[in-house]
Amino acid sequence: MVKKILSIHFDTNIIFISSDRKYAIQAFEIDALDYLLKPFTKERFRLSIERLYNM
């Protein structure tokens, strides 16, 4: 699904949130901005959003 979105909106930044670490490598192979592994802290979420706004 993400590859389809990126084929249409190639300048989209994506932050994945998952409880499964096995997809992290795939996420970064398609240039994900970040990959948050559940459970994550508010501070970790804030850092991801800050990275997004600083793009």
Protein backbone atom coordinates (compact mmCIF):
# COMPACT_ATOMS: atom_id res chain seq x y z
CA MET A 1 0.00 0.00 0.00
CA VAL A 2 2.78 2.43 0.87
CA LYS A 3 4.57 1.82 -2.42
CA LYS A 4 1.36 2.69 -4.26
CA ILE A 5 0.94 5.90 -2.27
CA LEU A 6 4.55 6.87 -2.95
CA SER A 7 4.15 6.19 -6.66
CA ILE A 8 1.44 8.85 -6.77
CA HIS A 9 2.71 11.23 -4.06
CA PHE A 10 6.46 10.73 -4.27
CA ASP A 11 7.28 13.59 -1.90
CA THR A 12 5.26 12.13 0.99
CA ASN A 13 6.99 11.58 4.33
CA ILE A 14 5.92 8.45 6.17
CA ILE A 15 6.31 7.54 9.82
CA PHE A 16 5.49 3.92 10.52
CA ILE A 17 4.06 2.87 13.87
CA SER A 18 4.08 -0.82 14.59
CA SER A 19 4.42 -3.37 17.36
CA ASP A 20 6.45 -5.59 15.04
CA ARG A 21 10.10 -4.76 14.41
CA LYS A 22 10.41 -7.17 11.49
CA TYR A 23 9.11 -4.54 9.03
CA ALA A 24 11.55 -1.79 10.03
CA ILE A 25 14.15 -2.63 7.40
CA GLN A 26 11.51 -2.64 4.67
CA ALA A 27 10.24 0.71 5.91
CA PHE A 28 13.65 2.33 5.64
CA GLU A 29 14.26 0.72 2.25
CA ILE A 30 11.39 2.85 0.94
CA ASP A 31 12.81 5.91 2.73
CA ALA A 32 10.46 6.08 5.69
CA LEU A 33 11.09 9.12 7.82
CA ASP A 34 10.89 7.04 10.99
CA TYR A 35 9.70 3.76 12.44
CA LEU A 36 8.18 3.88 15.91
CA LEU A 37 8.06 0.60 17.73
CA LYS A 38 5.18 0.20 20.19
CA PRO A 39 5.14 0.95 23.00
CA PHE A 40 6.90 4.26 22.51
CA THR A 41 7.20 7.29 24.74
CA LYS A 42 5.74 10.72 24.17
CA GLU A 43 9.29 12.00 23.84
CA ARG A 44 10.07 9.51 21.05
CA PHE A 45 6.87 10.50 19.24
CA ARG A 46 7.75 14.17 19.65
CA LEU A 47 11.17 13.57 18.10
CA SER A 48 9.59 11.94 15.06
CA ILE A 49 7.17 14.81 14.57
CA GLU A 50 9.98 17.31 15.07
CA ARG A 51 11.99 15.52 12.38
CA LEU A 52 8.98 15.75 10.07
CA TYR A 53 8.60 19.50 10.57
CA ASN A 54 12.33 20.08 10.04
CA MET A 55 12.30 18.47 6.60
